[in-house]
Amino acid sequence: MSRSIGVIVLAAGEGSRFREVAGADKDKLLADCTGRDGAVRSVIEQTLVNLPTSLDKRVLVTTEARPQAMRMAQAYGCDVVSIESTGMGDSIAAGVAACPDLDGWLIVLGDMPFILPSSIERVVAAIADDAVSVPLLNGEYGHPVGFGRTFGSGLMALSGDRGARPLFKQGRVVEVVVDDPGVLWDIDVPQALVFPPA
């Protein structure tokens, strides 16, 4: 039985810490970085490239202020959901609401370009109806996070800046142990665009 898992890429945040350092007009999602495959791409493109091809339902959630990210997402087969809020909870809710009838959802942060595709595939494989699957590195939870079907209404009820962590208490948490520092590496400041050698 094949399962339909959708990937929700969150790309609505303002990236204010990044802008404080790089300049108010600098969007971290459009900044160039060298991926783990050695190719130079923008942060958002690197994130999209890493998504497994098996995930055919792809949704990017962003704001009207990011037309370039929207075009990039469409080039990679994503539906684009535009919201006015920059809150993570609002983004997750809008993304899941765009594809509510799936067997599960993988929540991917648009500013985490260094996650190995194999780590993403392992998190997806661990998604079960009543479970949250999360990568674990050295005892610390990372991203992306997979949610089974029973979490749909809870995900769509999220709002504001609150992410989905409170939902972990509502089901089983499947810890996917990985040896991948990319699952903890987000681009908050320009210095983070340079990933350390593995």
C-alpha atoms as a PDB file:
ATOM      1  CA  MET A   1       0.000   0.000   0.000  1.00  0.00           C
ATOM      2  CA  SER A   2       1.567   3.261  -1.013  1.00  0.00           C
ATOM      3  CA  ARG A   3       1.134   6.199   1.289  1.00  0.00           C
ATOM      4  CA  SER A   4       0.605   9.761   0.223  1.00  0.00           C
ATOM      5  CA  ILE A   5       2.958  11.994   2.192  1.00  0.00           C
ATOM      6  CA  GLY A   6       3.043  15.705   1.485  1.00  0.00           C
ATOM      7  CA  VAL A   7       5.984  17.959   2.153  1.00  0.00           C
ATOM      8  CA  ILE A   8       5.301  21.418   3.544  1.00  0.00           C
ATOM      9  CA  VAL A   9       8.212  23.825   3.059  1.00  0.00           C
ATOM     10  CA  LEU A  10       8.028  26.795   5.422  1.00  0.00           C
ATOM     11  CA  ALA A  11       9.376  29.949   3.781  1.00  0.00           C
ATOM     12  CA  ALA A  12       7.347  32.796   5.251  1.00  0.00           C
ATOM     13  CA  GLY A  13       9.610  33.878   8.130  1.00  0.00           C
ATOM     14  CA  GLU A  14      11.186  37.292   7.901  1.00  0.00           C
ATOM     15  CA  GLY A  15      14.724  36.192   8.710  1.00  0.00           C
ATOM     16  CA  SER A  16      15.208  39.259  10.883  1.00  0.00           C
ATOM     17  CA  ARG A  17      18.407  38.039  12.575  1.00  0.00           C
ATOM     18  CA  PHE A  18      19.976  37.446   9.167  1.00  0.00           C
ATOM     19  CA  ARG A  19      18.898  40.897   7.932  1.00  0.00           C
ATOM     20  CA  GLU A  20      20.320  42.572  11.052  1.00  0.00           C
ATOM     21  CA  VAL A  21      23.766  41.327  10.038  1.00  0.00           C
ATOM     22  CA  ALA A  22      23.586  41.196   6.233  1.00  0.00           C
ATOM     23  CA  GLY A  23      21.376  44.227   5.590  1.00  0.00           C
ATOM     24  CA  ALA A  24      17.646  44.897   5.596  1.00  0.00           C
ATOM     25  CA  ASP A  25      17.319  44.075   1.891  1.00  0.00           C
ATOM     26  CA  LYS A  26      19.056  40.669   2.153  1.00  0.00           C
ATOM     27  CA  ASP A  27      16.753  37.647   2.094  1.00  0.00           C
ATOM     28  CA  LYS A  28      18.460  34.599   3.592  1.00  0.00           C
ATOM     29  CA  LEU A  29      16.420  32.242   1.409  1.00  0.00           C
ATOM     30  CA  LEU A  30      17.984  33.801  -1.697  1.00  0.00           C
ATOM     31  CA  ALA A  31      21.554  33.874  -0.357  1.00  0.00           C
ATOM     32  CA  ASP A  32      24.000  31.555  -2.111  1.00  0.00           C
ATOM     33  CA  CYS A  33      25.433  28.587  -0.267  1.00  0.00           C
ATOM     34  CA  THR A  34      27.463  25.565  -1.292  1.00  0.00           C
ATOM     35  CA  GLY A  35      25.442  22.423  -0.769  1.00  0.00           C
ATOM     36  CA  ARG A  36      26.774  19.147   0.527  1.00  0.00           C
ATOM     37  CA  ASP A  37      26.879  18.011  -3.103  1.00  0.00           C
ATOM     38  CA  GLY A  38      29.340  20.849  -3.839  1.00  0.00           C
ATOM     39  CA  ALA A  39      26.920  22.849  -5.998  1.00  0.00           C
ATOM     40  CA  VAL A  40      26.270  26.538  -5.303  1.00  0.00           C
ATOM     41  CA  ARG A  41      22.572  27.364  -5.118  1.00  0.00           C
ATOM     42  CA  SER A  42      20.344  29.694  -3.141  1.00  0.00           C
ATOM     43  CA  VAL A  43      19.328  28.464   0.322  1.00  0.00           C
ATOM     44  CA  ILE A  44      15.729  27.788  -0.769  1.00  0.00           C
ATOM     45  CA  GLU A  45      16.795  25.967  -3.945  1.00  0.00           C
ATOM     46  CA  GLN A  46      19.240  23.826  -1.966  1.00  0.00           C
ATOM     47  CA  THR A  47      16.405  22.919   0.421  1.00  0.00           C
ATOM     48  CA  LEU A  48      14.128  21.981  -2.508  1.00  0.00           C
ATOM     49  CA  VAL A  49      16.853  19.942  -4.248  1.00  0.00           C
ATOM     50  CA  ASN A  50      17.268  17.801  -1.122  1.00  0.00           C
ATOM     51  CA  LEU A  51      13.606  16.696  -1.058  1.00  0.00           C
ATOM     52  CA  PRO A  52      13.061  13.061  -2.037  1.00  0.00           C
ATOM     53  CA  THR A  53      11.463  12.595  -5.456  1.00  0.00           C
ATOM     54  CA  SER A  54       9.019  10.151  -3.853  1.00  0.00           C
ATOM     55  CA  LEU A  55       7.191  13.082  -2.258  1.00  0.00           C
ATOM     56  CA  ASP A  56       5.022  14.177  -5.136  1.00  0.00           C
ATOM     57  CA  LYS A  57       2.786  16.520  -3.150  1.00  0.00           C
ATOM     58  CA  ARG A  58       4.892  19.573  -2.363  1.00  0.00           C
ATOM     59  CA  VAL A  59       3.659  22.834  -0.886  1.00  0.00           C
ATOM     60  CA  LEU A  60       5.729  25.943  -0.234  1.00  0.00           C
ATOM     61  CA  VAL A  61       4.220  28.427   2.207  1.00  0.00           C
ATOM     62  CA  THR A  62       5.498  31.979   1.889  1.00  0.00           C
ATOM     63  CA  THR A  63       4.445  35.613   1.651  1.00  0.00           C
ATOM     64  CA  GLU A  64       3.860  37.873  -1.343  1.00  0.00           C
ATOM     65  CA  ALA A  65       7.183  39.543  -0.468  1.00  0.00           C
ATOM     66  CA  ARG A  66       9.051  36.520  -1.867  1.00  0.00           C
ATOM     67  CA  PRO A  67       8.206  36.239  -5.587  1.00  0.00           C
ATOM     68  CA  GLN A  68      11.606  34.692  -6.370  1.00  0.00           C
ATOM     69  CA  ALA A  69      11.084  31.930  -3.812  1.00  0.00           C
ATOM     70  CA  MET A  70       7.631  31.317  -5.300  1.00  0.00           C
ATOM     71  CA  ARG A  71       9.028  30.931  -8.809  1.00  0.00           C
ATOM     72  CA  MET A  72      11.779  28.643  -7.560  1.00  0.00           C
ATOM     73  CA  ALA A  73       9.254  26.465  -5.737  1.00  0.00           C
ATOM     74  CA  GLN A  74       7.055  26.191  -8.824  1.00  0.00           C
ATOM     75  CA  ALA A  75      10.091  25.156 -10.883  1.00  0.00           C
ATOM     76  CA  TYR A  76      10.544  22.273  -8.417  1.00  0.00           C
ATOM     77  CA  GLY A  77       6.934  21.157  -8.648  1.00  0.00           C
ATOM     78  CA  CYS A  78       5.585  22.844  -5.541  1.00  0.00           C
ATOM     79  CA  ASP A  79       2.155  24.343  -5.092  1.00  0.00           C
ATOM     80  CA  VAL A  80       2.569  27.788  -3.546  1.00  0.00           C
ATOM     81  CA  VAL A  81       0.421  28.974  -0.664  1.00  0.00           C
ATOM     82  CA  SER A  82       0.728  32.676   0.076  1.00  0.00           C
ATOM     83  CA  ILE A  83      -0.101  33.886   3.573  1.00  0.00           C
ATOM     84  CA  GLU A  84       0.090  37.274   5.245  1.00  0.00           C
ATOM     85  CA  SER A  85       1.534  36.029   8.538  1.00  0.00           C
ATOM     86  CA  THR A  86       5.187  35.159   9.090  1.00  0.00           C
ATOM     87  CA  GLY A  87       4.374  32.921  12.077  1.00  0.00           C
ATOM     88  CA  MET A  88       5.472  29.294  11.956  1.00  0.00           C
ATOM     89  CA  GLY A  89       2.161  28.015  13.313  1.00  0.00           C
ATOM     90  CA  ASP A  90       0.196  29.907  10.680  1.00  0.00           C
ATOM     91  CA  SER A  91       2.515  28.574   7.970  1.00  0.00           C
ATOM     92  CA  ILE A  92       2.149  24.943   9.039  1.00  0.00           C
ATOM     93  CA  ALA A  93      -1.636  25.281   9.294  1.00  0.00           C
ATOM     94  CA  ALA A  94      -1.896  26.830   5.826  1.00  0.00           C
ATOM     95  CA  GLY A  95       0.373  24.214   4.276  1.00  0.00           C
ATOM     96  CA  VAL A  96      -1.495  21.238   5.722  1.00  0.00           C
ATOM     97  CA  ALA A  97      -4.862  22.828   4.876  1.00  0.00           C
ATOM     98  CA  ALA A  98      -3.719  22.937   1.233  1.00  0.00           C
ATOM     99  CA  CYS A  99      -3.477  19.112   1.189  1.00  0.00           C
ATOM    100  CA  PRO A 100      -5.556  17.829   4.129  1.00  0.00           C
ATOM    101  CA  ASP A 101      -6.413  14.375   2.766  1.00  0.00           C
ATOM    102  CA  LEU A 102      -2.944  12.850   2.859  1.00  0.00           C
ATOM    103  CA  ASP A 103      -1.596  10.046   5.039  1.00  0.00           C
ATOM    104  CA  GLY A 104       1.006  12.343   6.559  1.00  0.00           C
ATOM    105  CA  TRP A 105       3.014  15.516   6.240  1.00  0.00           C
ATOM    106  CA  LEU A 106       6.710  16.301   6.381  1.00  0.00           C
ATOM    107  CA  ILE A 107       7.415  19.777   7.743  1.00  0.00           C
ATOM    108  CA  VAL A 108      10.597  21.218   6.223  1.00  0.00           C
ATOM    109  CA  LEU A 109      12.142  24.562   7.148  1.00  0.00           C
ATOM    110  CA  GLY A 110      13.120  26.581   4.089  1.00  0.00           C
ATOM    111  CA  ASP A 111      16.313  27.811   5.774  1.00  0.00           C
ATOM    112  CA  MET A 112      17.818  24.352   6.403  1.00  0.00           C
ATOM    113  CA  PRO A 113      19.707  23.600   3.174  1.00  0.00           C
ATOM    114  CA  PHE A 114      22.267  21.138   4.519  1.00  0.00           C
ATOM    115  CA  ILE A 115      20.092  18.150   5.470  1.00  0.00           C
ATOM    116  CA  LEU A 116      21.125  15.013   3.627  1.00  0.00           C
ATOM    117  CA  PRO A 117      18.398  13.577   1.366  1.00  0.00           C
ATOM    118  CA  SER A 118      18.977  10.191   3.048  1.00  0.00           C
ATOM    119  CA  SER A 119      18.074  11.711   6.440  1.00  0.00           C
ATOM    120  CA  ILE A 120      14.862  13.145   4.983  1.00  0.00           C
ATOM    121  CA  GLU A 121      13.974   9.763   3.459  1.00  0.00           C
ATOM    122  CA  ARG A 122      14.482   8.020   6.803  1.00  0.00           C
ATOM    123  CA  VAL A 123      12.185  10.492   8.583  1.00  0.00           C
ATOM    124  CA  VAL A 124       9.537   9.999   5.872  1.00  0.00           C
ATOM    125  CA  ALA A 125       9.828   6.208   6.167  1.00  0.00           C
ATOM    126  CA  ALA A 126       9.117   6.454   9.908  1.00  0.00           C
ATOM    127  CA  ILE A 127       5.864   8.424   9.490  1.00  0.00           C
ATOM    128  CA  ALA A 128       2.921   6.449  10.883  1.00  0.00           C
ATOM    129  CA  ASP A 129      -0.723   7.447  11.404  1.00  0.00           C
ATOM    130  CA  ASP A 130      -0.396   8.016  15.139  1.00  0.00           C
ATOM    131  CA  ALA A 131       3.267   9.014  15.252  1.00  0.00           C
ATOM    132  CA  VAL A 132       5.597  11.954  14.928  1.00  0.00           C
ATOM    133  CA  SER A 133       8.941  11.075  13.334  1.00  0.00           C
ATOM    134  CA  VAL A 134      11.881  13.291  14.136  1.00  0.00           C
ATOM    135  CA  PRO A 135      15.606  13.065  13.434  1.00  0.00           C
ATOM    136  CA  LEU A 136      17.794  12.737  16.500  1.00  0.00           C
ATOM    137  CA  LEU A 137      21.438  13.786  16.549  1.00  0.00           C
ATOM    138  CA  ASN A 138      23.451  13.444  19.755  1.00  0.00           C
ATOM    139  CA  GLY A 139      20.261  13.474  21.814  1.00  0.00           C
ATOM    140  CA  GLU A 140      18.850  16.614  20.168  1.00  0.00           C
ATOM    141  CA  TYR A 141      15.718  16.775  18.006  1.00  0.00           C
ATOM    142  CA  GLY A 142      16.225  18.243  14.544  1.00  0.00           C
ATOM    143  CA  HIS A 143      14.329  18.757  11.289  1.00  0.00           C
ATOM    144  CA  PRO A 144      12.439  17.872   9.188  1.00  0.00           C
ATOM    145  CA  VAL A 145       9.581  16.446  11.259  1.00  0.00           C
ATOM    146  CA  GLY A 146       7.001  13.986   9.961  1.00  0.00           C
ATOM    147  CA  PHE A 147       3.409  13.823  11.221  1.00  0.00           C
ATOM    148  CA  GLY A 148       0.936  11.004  10.610  1.00  0.00           C
ATOM    149  CA  ARG A 149      -2.678  11.397   9.527  1.00  0.00           C
ATOM    150  CA  THR A 150      -4.133  11.665  13.050  1.00  0.00           C
ATOM    151  CA  PHE A 151      -2.270  14.963  13.533  1.00  0.00           C
ATOM    152  CA  GLY A 152      -3.967  16.724  10.602  1.00  0.00           C
ATOM    153  CA  SER A 153      -6.545  18.665  12.607  1.00  0.00           C
ATOM    154  CA  GLY A 154      -3.964  19.597  15.235  1.00  0.00           C
ATOM    155  CA  LEU A 155      -1.573  20.888  12.578  1.00  0.00           C
ATOM    156  CA  MET A 156      -4.309  22.929  10.902  1.00  0.00           C
ATOM    157  CA  ALA A 157      -5.255  24.445  14.289  1.00  0.00           C
ATOM    158  CA  LEU A 158      -1.771  25.898  14.879  1.00  0.00           C
ATOM    159  CA  SER A 159      -1.439  29.667  14.791  1.00  0.00           C
ATOM    160  CA  GLY A 160       0.957  32.505  15.431  1.00  0.00           C
ATOM    161  CA  ASP A 161       4.632  31.776  16.022  1.00  0.00           C
ATOM    162  CA  ARG A 162       4.113  28.507  17.868  1.00  0.00           C
ATOM    163  CA  GLY A 163       5.421  25.517  15.963  1.00  0.00           C
ATOM    164  CA  ALA A 164       4.181  21.948  16.160  1.00  0.00           C
ATOM    165  CA  ARG A 165       6.326  20.770  19.100  1.00  0.00           C
ATOM    166  CA  PRO A 166       3.309  20.698  21.502  1.00  0.00           C
ATOM    167  CA  LEU A 167       1.728  18.026  19.264  1.00  0.00           C
ATOM    168  CA  PHE A 168       4.542  15.615  20.154  1.00  0.00           C
ATOM    169  CA  LYS A 169       2.605  14.855  23.360  1.00  0.00           C
ATOM    170  CA  GLN A 170      -0.444  13.650  21.407  1.00  0.00           C
ATOM    171  CA  GLY A 171       1.053  10.523  19.899  1.00  0.00           C
ATOM    172  CA  ARG A 172       4.111   8.337  19.674  1.00  0.00           C
ATOM    173  CA  VAL A 173       7.417  10.015  18.915  1.00  0.00           C
ATOM    174  CA  VAL A 174       9.623   7.912  16.645  1.00  0.00           C
ATOM    175  CA  GLU A 175      13.219   9.049  17.023  1.00  0.00           C
ATOM    176  CA  VAL A 176      15.211   8.543  13.823  1.00  0.00           C
ATOM    177  CA  VAL A 177      18.859   8.500  14.881  1.00  0.00           C
ATOM    178  CA  VAL A 178      21.004  10.152  12.198  1.00  0.00           C
ATOM    179  CA  ASP A 179      24.655  11.063  11.813  1.00  0.00           C
ATOM    180  CA  ASP A 180      23.863  14.285   9.966  1.00  0.00           C
ATOM    181  CA  PRO A 181      24.670  17.701  11.467  1.00  0.00           C
ATOM    182  CA  GLY A 182      22.479  19.228   8.744  1.00  0.00           C
ATOM    183  CA  VAL A 183      19.346  18.338  10.734  1.00  0.00           C
ATOM    184  CA  LEU A 184      20.294  20.955  13.336  1.00  0.00           C
ATOM    185  CA  TRP A 185      21.813  23.570  11.013  1.00  0.00           C
ATOM    186  CA  ASP A 186      19.608  26.501  10.097  1.00  0.00           C
ATOM    187  CA  ILE A 187      20.602  29.751   8.448  1.00  0.00           C
ATOM    188  CA  ASP A 188      20.027  32.410  11.107  1.00  0.00           C
ATOM    189  CA  VAL A 189      23.034  34.599  10.282  1.00  0.00           C
ATOM    190  CA  PRO A 190      25.256  34.969   7.185  1.00  0.00           C
ATOM    191  CA  GLN A 191      28.095  33.023   8.838  1.00  0.00           C
ATOM    192  CA  ALA A 192      25.816  29.947   8.868  1.00  0.00           C
ATOM    193  CA  LEU A 193      25.858  29.849   5.045  1.00  0.00           C
ATOM    194  CA  VAL A 194      29.208  28.047   5.312  1.00  0.00           C
ATOM    195  CA  PHE A 195      28.636  24.472   6.402  1.00  0.00           C
ATOM    196  CA  PRO A 196      31.467  22.754   8.254  1.00  0.00           C
ATOM    197  CA  PRO A 197      33.049  19.710   6.621  1.00  0.00           C
ATOM    198  CA  ALA A 198      31.484  16.470   7.833  1.00  0.00           C
END
